Amino acid sequence: MYTASWRDVVRTDLFGAAPPKRDRPYRFIIRVALVVFRLFRFRFDVRGSEHVPASGGAVICSNHVSFFDFTFLGLGALPQHRLVRFMAKSAVFENWFAGPFMRAMQHIPVDRKAGSAAFESAVRALKDGEVVGVFPEATISRSFTVKELKAGAARMALDAGVPIIPAAVWGGHRVATKGHKVQWRRGTPVTVILGEPIVAEPGEKVQQLLVRTRVAMEALLDEAQRTYPEQPAGPDDSWWLPVHLGGTAPTPEEAAVQDSARAAGHGPKRARKSLVARLRGLVGR
C-alpha cells in the first residue's frame, strides 16, 4: 500500500525530466491533492500503471463510484509521467470555485444536451497524443457495479486510432458518494487497477469494442472488490458493498429505478447546510 509522503509533494522528478510549461497549473493541483492525501492518510493500492503508454494518445475508461474517482485514477498514470484530461459535465466548469481549475488543467467539458463539441475536443486531444479519462457510465453507480456504458468512449478510440485502457477504482465511495453523507475518515484504502490496453481489431464496430471494454472493466472491478483489504465493520456498515458480495447497496435494477426517479425530479431533496454549519461539523469530528 502507498501513502503519500511530504517528500512526494516536493519531488522535482514527479512529472518527468522536462514537463511542458503549459501544465504548470495541473502539476500544482496534483501537489495540492498529494497534500490532502497525506493529511487524510489514504492508503493506495495502484496496479497496472505500466499499461498507460509513456507517449501517444489513449482513452482510460473507468467505473465510477465516488466523487473523487478522477483524483485517484490520475495516480495510476502518474508513474508514466502522464496527465489525464478528464471529461466532466459542463456544470463543473461553470462552478465559481472548480471551474477555473478545470479549465486550467485543460479538462474537457461535456454538455449532455449537445455532446458533439466535447466528442470532437476529445478526439483532437487524443490525436495530439493526450491521455483522456472517461467514466463511460456517465454517472456514479449506486449499486457499485458497472452500469451500461455510453458508446462515446469507444467511438473516440476508433476515430482517433488509440487504445482503450480499462480501469477500476474502489474504496473512495466510503468517503464521498451519491446518497450518503461525506465521511472524513483517515486511513481509507483506495484501490486503482489499470488493465491491458484494448486495441480495436480491423473493421471492429463501436458496439463490439464497447462490449470488450465493459467485460474488462467488470473483471478489474471484481478484482479490486475481492482483494480490498477491509470488510464492513458490521451490518450497519455494509452499505458500501454490492449485493452480490453480501452488501446492502441497491441492486442494479433498484439503482436504475432510483436514477430514473431523480432524473425526473422525483428524488428526495436534502436541505443544504450553511457554510458555518459544515465547518462546525468538520471541527467537531
Protein backbone atom coordinates (compact mmCIF):
# COMPACT_ATOMS: atom_id res chain seq x y z
CA MET A 1 0.00 0.00 0.00
CA TYR A 2 1.18 3.50 -0.81
CA THR A 3 0.59 6.50 1.44
CA ALA A 4 1.59 9.91 0.06
CA SER A 5 4.57 11.41 1.85
CA TRP A 6 5.69 15.01 2.22
CA ARG A 7 8.67 14.07 0.06
CA ASP A 8 6.28 13.18 -2.77
CA VAL A 9 4.73 16.63 -2.58
CA VAL A 10 8.04 18.36 -3.36
CA ARG A 11 9.70 15.79 -5.62
CA THR A 12 11.30 17.55 -8.60
CA ASP A 13 11.10 14.47 -10.82
CA LEU A 14 7.43 13.74 -10.12
CA PHE A 15 6.37 14.75 -13.63
CA GLY A 16 9.44 13.68 -15.60
CA ALA A 17 12.58 15.44 -16.71
CA ALA A 18 11.08 18.27 -18.78
CA PRO A 19 7.31 18.63 -18.26
CA PRO A 20 5.51 21.14 -20.53
CA LYS A 21 5.20 24.65 -19.10
CA ARG A 22 1.52 24.81 -20.06
CA ASP A 23 0.76 22.13 -17.48
CA ARG A 24 2.09 24.10 -14.51
CA PRO A 25 -1.43 24.66 -13.07
CA TYR A 26 -2.20 20.94 -13.38
CA ARG A 27 1.06 19.97 -11.69
CA PHE A 28 0.42 22.43 -8.86
CA ILE A 29 -3.05 20.99 -8.26
CA ILE A 30 -1.66 17.46 -8.19
CA ARG A 31 0.79 18.52 -5.47
CA VAL A 32 -2.12 20.03 -3.52
CA ALA A 33 -4.01 16.73 -3.94
CA LEU A 34 -1.00 14.86 -2.56
CA VAL A 35 -1.09 17.13 0.50
CA VAL A 36 -4.76 16.20 1.02
CA PHE A 37 -3.98 12.50 0.51
CA ARG A 38 -1.22 12.82 3.11
CA LEU A 39 -3.39 14.61 5.66
CA PHE A 40 -6.15 12.01 5.36
CA ARG A 41 -3.62 9.17 5.04
CA PHE A 42 -5.33 7.45 2.15
CA ARG A 43 -3.73 4.05 1.59
CA PHE A 44 -3.44 3.43 -2.14
CA ASP A 45 -3.02 0.14 -3.93
CA VAL A 46 -2.24 1.15 -7.52
CA ARG A 47 -1.73 -1.64 -10.05
CA GLY A 48 -1.12 -1.69 -13.79
CA SER A 49 0.40 1.77 -14.29
CA GLU A 50 2.72 0.20 -16.86
CA HIS A 51 -0.28 -0.23 -19.17
CA VAL A 52 -0.56 3.55 -19.63
CA PRO A 53 1.55 4.42 -22.69
CA ALA A 54 4.56 6.62 -21.98
CA SER A 55 3.65 8.67 -25.06
CA GLY A 56 0.79 8.93 -27.50
CA GLY A 57 -2.94 9.04 -27.04
CA ALA A 58 -5.10 6.62 -25.04
CA VAL A 59 -8.58 6.54 -23.52
CA ILE A 60 -8.77 5.47 -19.88
CA CYS A 61 -12.24 4.02 -19.23
CA SER A 62 -13.09 3.55 -15.57
CA ASN A 63 -16.06 2.67 -13.41
CA HIS A 64 -17.40 5.45 -11.21
CA VAL A 65 -18.27 5.05 -7.50
CA SER A 66 -17.16 8.25 -5.75
CA PHE A 67 -16.87 11.99 -6.24
CA PHE A 68 -13.06 11.73 -6.00
CA ASP A 69 -12.50 8.94 -8.55
CA PHE A 70 -10.78 11.22 -11.04
CA THR A 71 -8.13 12.24 -8.49
CA PHE A 72 -7.45 8.61 -7.59
CA LEU A 73 -7.40 7.49 -11.22
CA GLY A 74 -4.86 10.18 -12.07
CA LEU A 75 -2.42 8.47 -9.69
CA GLY A 76 -2.43 5.46 -11.98
CA ALA A 77 -0.97 7.47 -14.86
CA LEU A 78 1.49 9.49 -12.79
CA PRO A 79 4.28 6.84 -12.73
CA GLN A 80 4.37 7.15 -16.52
CA HIS A 81 4.54 10.95 -16.15
CA ARG A 82 1.20 11.30 -17.91
CA LEU A 83 -1.50 13.83 -17.03
CA VAL A 84 -5.06 12.73 -17.76
CA ARG A 85 -7.54 15.13 -19.35
CA PHE A 86 -10.86 14.10 -17.85
CA MET A 87 -14.24 14.58 -19.49
CA ALA A 88 -16.68 16.09 -16.98
CA LYS A 89 -20.12 17.63 -17.10
CA SER A 90 -20.13 21.29 -18.11
CA ALA A 91 -21.75 22.36 -14.83
CA VAL A 92 -18.44 21.68 -13.06
CA PHE A 93 -16.69 24.14 -15.39
CA GLU A 94 -19.34 26.76 -14.62
CA ASN A 95 -18.82 26.48 -10.86
CA TRP A 96 -17.20 29.63 -9.42
CA PHE A 97 -14.60 27.63 -7.50
CA ALA A 98 -13.95 24.46 -9.53
CA GLY A 99 -14.38 26.00 -12.98
CA PRO A 100 -11.09 27.95 -13.20
CA PHE A 101 -9.14 24.89 -12.02
CA MET A 102 -10.84 22.58 -14.52
CA ARG A 103 -10.09 24.94 -17.38
CA ALA A 104 -6.50 25.47 -16.24
CA MET A 105 -5.96 21.70 -16.23
CA GLN A 106 -7.45 21.53 -19.73
CA HIS A 107 -10.10 19.00 -18.85
CA ILE A 108 -12.92 18.61 -21.36
CA PRO A 109 -16.43 19.95 -20.60
CA VAL A 110 -19.38 17.81 -21.65
CA ASP A 111 -22.79 19.33 -22.35
CA ARG A 112 -25.10 16.32 -22.22
CA LYS A 113 -27.64 18.09 -24.43
CA ALA A 114 -25.06 18.82 -27.14
CA GLY A 115 -22.18 16.40 -26.77
CA SER A 116 -20.66 16.69 -30.25
CA ALA A 117 -18.33 19.54 -29.26
CA ALA A 118 -16.93 17.54 -26.34
CA PHE A 119 -16.51 14.48 -28.56
CA GLU A 120 -14.58 16.48 -31.16
CA SER A 121 -12.40 18.09 -28.47
CA ALA A 122 -11.59 14.68 -27.00
CA VAL A 123 -10.70 13.16 -30.39
CA ARG A 124 -8.50 16.15 -31.15
CA ALA A 125 -6.71 15.76 -27.80
CA LEU A 126 -6.20 12.05 -28.43
CA LYS A 127 -4.74 12.69 -31.87
CA ASP A 128 -2.43 15.24 -30.25
CA GLY A 129 -1.09 12.47 -28.01
CA GLU A 130 -3.07 13.20 -24.83
CA VAL A 131 -4.49 10.66 -22.39
CA VAL A 132 -8.22 11.25 -21.99
CA GLY A 133 -10.09 9.92 -18.94
CA VAL A 134 -13.71 8.87 -19.31
CA PHE A 135 -16.32 7.48 -16.93
CA PRO A 136 -18.50 5.83 -19.60
CA GLU A 137 -21.30 5.05 -17.13
CA ALA A 138 -21.88 8.84 -17.26
CA THR A 139 -22.73 9.00 -13.56
CA ILE A 140 -21.87 7.36 -10.24
CA SER A 141 -23.13 3.80 -9.90
CA ARG A 142 -25.32 3.49 -6.80
CA SER A 143 -25.18 -0.32 -6.99
CA PHE A 144 -21.34 -0.22 -7.06
CA THR A 145 -21.39 -2.46 -10.14
CA VAL A 146 -20.61 -1.48 -13.73
CA LYS A 147 -23.65 0.12 -15.36
CA GLU A 148 -24.46 0.22 -19.07
CA LEU A 149 -21.73 2.15 -20.89
CA LYS A 150 -22.22 5.09 -23.21
CA ALA A 151 -20.72 4.49 -26.64
CA GLY A 152 -18.74 7.74 -26.80
CA ALA A 153 -15.52 6.34 -25.33
CA ALA A 154 -15.34 3.53 -27.87
CA ARG A 155 -16.19 5.89 -30.72
CA MET A 156 -13.41 8.26 -29.64
CA ALA A 157 -10.86 5.47 -29.55
CA LEU A 158 -11.86 4.27 -33.00
CA ASP A 159 -11.90 7.77 -34.53
CA ALA A 160 -8.51 8.70 -33.03
CA GLY A 161 -6.92 5.28 -33.60
CA VAL A 162 -5.80 4.90 -29.97
CA PRO A 163 -6.13 2.07 -27.42
CA ILE A 164 -8.59 1.90 -24.54
CA ILE A 165 -7.10 1.35 -21.08
CA PRO A 166 -9.82 -0.27 -18.93
CA ALA A 167 -9.68 0.68 -15.27
CA ALA A 168 -11.37 0.20 -11.91
CA VAL A 169 -11.41 2.35 -8.78
CA TRP A 170 -12.72 1.16 -5.42
CA GLY A 171 -12.80 2.49 -1.89
CA GLY A 172 -13.27 6.22 -2.39
CA HIS A 173 -17.04 5.81 -2.14
CA ARG A 174 -16.60 5.11 1.57
CA VAL A 175 -15.62 8.79 1.88
CA ALA A 176 -17.94 10.53 -0.58
CA THR A 177 -20.57 9.15 -2.93
CA LYS A 178 -24.14 9.76 -4.01
CA GLY A 179 -26.86 9.28 -1.43
CA HIS A 180 -24.53 9.17 1.59
CA LYS A 181 -23.07 11.76 3.89
CA VAL A 182 -19.40 12.62 3.43
CA GLN A 183 -17.26 10.63 5.87
CA TRP A 184 -13.99 12.47 6.56
CA ARG A 185 -12.25 9.35 7.80
CA ARG A 186 -8.49 8.81 7.85
CA GLY A 187 -6.63 5.80 6.53
CA THR A 188 -9.22 4.71 3.98
CA PRO A 189 -7.80 2.17 1.50
CA VAL A 190 -8.31 3.01 -2.18
CA THR A 191 -7.62 0.52 -4.97
CA VAL A 192 -6.83 1.62 -8.53
CA ILE A 193 -6.28 -1.01 -11.22
CA LEU A 194 -5.44 -0.34 -14.88
CA GLY A 195 -5.79 -3.23 -17.31
CA GLU A 196 -4.05 -4.22 -20.51
CA PRO A 197 -4.75 -1.95 -23.49
CA ILE A 198 -7.69 -2.89 -25.69
CA VAL A 199 -6.80 -2.25 -29.33
CA ALA A 200 -9.57 -2.19 -31.91
CA GLU A 201 -9.35 -5.02 -34.41
CA PRO A 202 -9.57 -4.26 -38.16
CA GLY A 203 -13.17 -3.50 -39.03
CA GLU A 204 -14.37 -3.73 -35.42
CA LYS A 205 -17.59 -1.83 -34.74
CA VAL A 206 -18.27 0.52 -31.85
CA GLN A 207 -20.60 -1.86 -30.01
CA GLN A 208 -18.15 -4.74 -30.27
CA LEU A 209 -15.37 -2.62 -28.80
CA LEU A 210 -17.75 -1.36 -26.11
CA VAL A 211 -18.64 -4.92 -25.07
CA ARG A 212 -14.96 -5.85 -24.76
CA THR A 213 -14.35 -2.72 -22.70
CA ARG A 214 -17.20 -3.44 -20.31
CA VAL A 215 -16.10 -7.06 -19.82
CA ALA A 216 -12.58 -5.85 -18.95
CA MET A 217 -13.91 -3.17 -16.57
CA GLU A 218 -16.12 -5.69 -14.78
CA ALA A 219 -13.21 -8.09 -14.33
CA LEU A 220 -10.98 -5.33 -12.93
CA LEU A 221 -13.69 -4.08 -10.57
CA ASP A 222 -14.31 -7.61 -9.34
CA GLU A 223 -10.57 -7.97 -8.68
CA ALA A 224 -10.49 -4.64 -6.84
CA GLN A 225 -13.50 -5.56 -4.69
CA ARG A 226 -12.34 -9.07 -3.81
CA THR A 227 -8.79 -8.02 -2.94
CA TYR A 228 -9.81 -4.91 -0.98
CA PRO A 229 -8.07 -5.04 2.43
CA GLU A 230 -11.08 -4.13 4.58
CA GLN A 231 -14.57 -5.51 5.18
CA PRO A 232 -17.64 -3.83 6.70
CA ALA A 233 -17.38 -3.33 10.46
CA GLY A 234 -20.91 -4.70 10.89
CA PRO A 235 -24.41 -4.80 9.37
CA ASP A 236 -24.77 -1.01 9.57
CA ASP A 237 -21.54 -0.58 7.62
CA SER A 238 -22.33 -2.94 4.74
CA TRP A 239 -23.89 -0.23 2.55
CA TRP A 240 -20.65 0.19 0.56
CA LEU A 241 -20.56 -3.40 -0.71
CA PRO A 242 -22.64 -4.58 -3.70
CA VAL A 243 -25.36 -7.13 -3.11
CA HIS A 244 -23.52 -9.99 -4.80
CA LEU A 245 -20.71 -9.62 -2.24
CA GLY A 246 -23.06 -9.60 0.72
CA GLY A 247 -23.57 -5.84 0.96
CA THR A 248 -26.73 -3.79 1.23
CA ALA A 249 -26.19 -1.44 -1.71
CA PRO A 250 -29.13 -1.24 -4.12
CA THR A 251 -29.27 -3.92 -6.78
CA PRO A 252 -28.53 -2.70 -10.33
CA GLU A 253 -32.27 -2.81 -11.03
CA GLU A 254 -33.13 -0.83 -7.90
CA ALA A 255 -30.38 1.68 -8.66
CA ALA A 256 -31.73 2.16 -12.18
CA VAL A 257 -35.19 2.97 -10.77
CA GLN A 258 -33.66 5.45 -8.32
CA ASP A 259 -31.65 7.13 -11.07
CA SER A 260 -34.75 7.44 -13.27
CA ALA A 261 -36.74 8.96 -10.42
CA ARG A 262 -34.06 11.52 -9.69
CA ALA A 263 -33.65 12.36 -13.38
CA ALA A 264 -37.39 13.06 -13.47
CA GLY A 265 -37.10 15.30 -10.41
CA HIS A 266 -38.84 12.92 -8.03
CA GLY A 267 -35.89 12.04 -5.81
CA PRO A 268 -35.54 13.20 -2.20
CA LYS A 269 -34.00 16.61 -1.73
CA ARG A 270 -31.69 17.39 1.16
CA ALA A 271 -31.70 20.74 2.90
CA ARG A 272 -28.40 22.46 2.20
CA LYS A 273 -26.36 23.26 5.31
CA SER A 274 -24.84 26.68 5.70
CA LEU A 275 -21.09 27.05 5.33
CA VAL A 276 -20.81 27.76 9.08
CA ALA A 277 -22.71 24.55 9.92
CA ARG A 278 -20.47 22.49 7.64
CA LEU A 279 -17.32 23.98 9.18
CA ARG A 280 -18.63 23.27 12.65
CA GLY A 281 -19.24 19.68 11.62
CA LEU A 282 -15.67 19.29 10.40
CA VAL A 283 -14.19 20.87 13.51
CA GLY A 284 -16.25 18.63 15.73
CA ARG A 285 -15.00 15.38 14.13
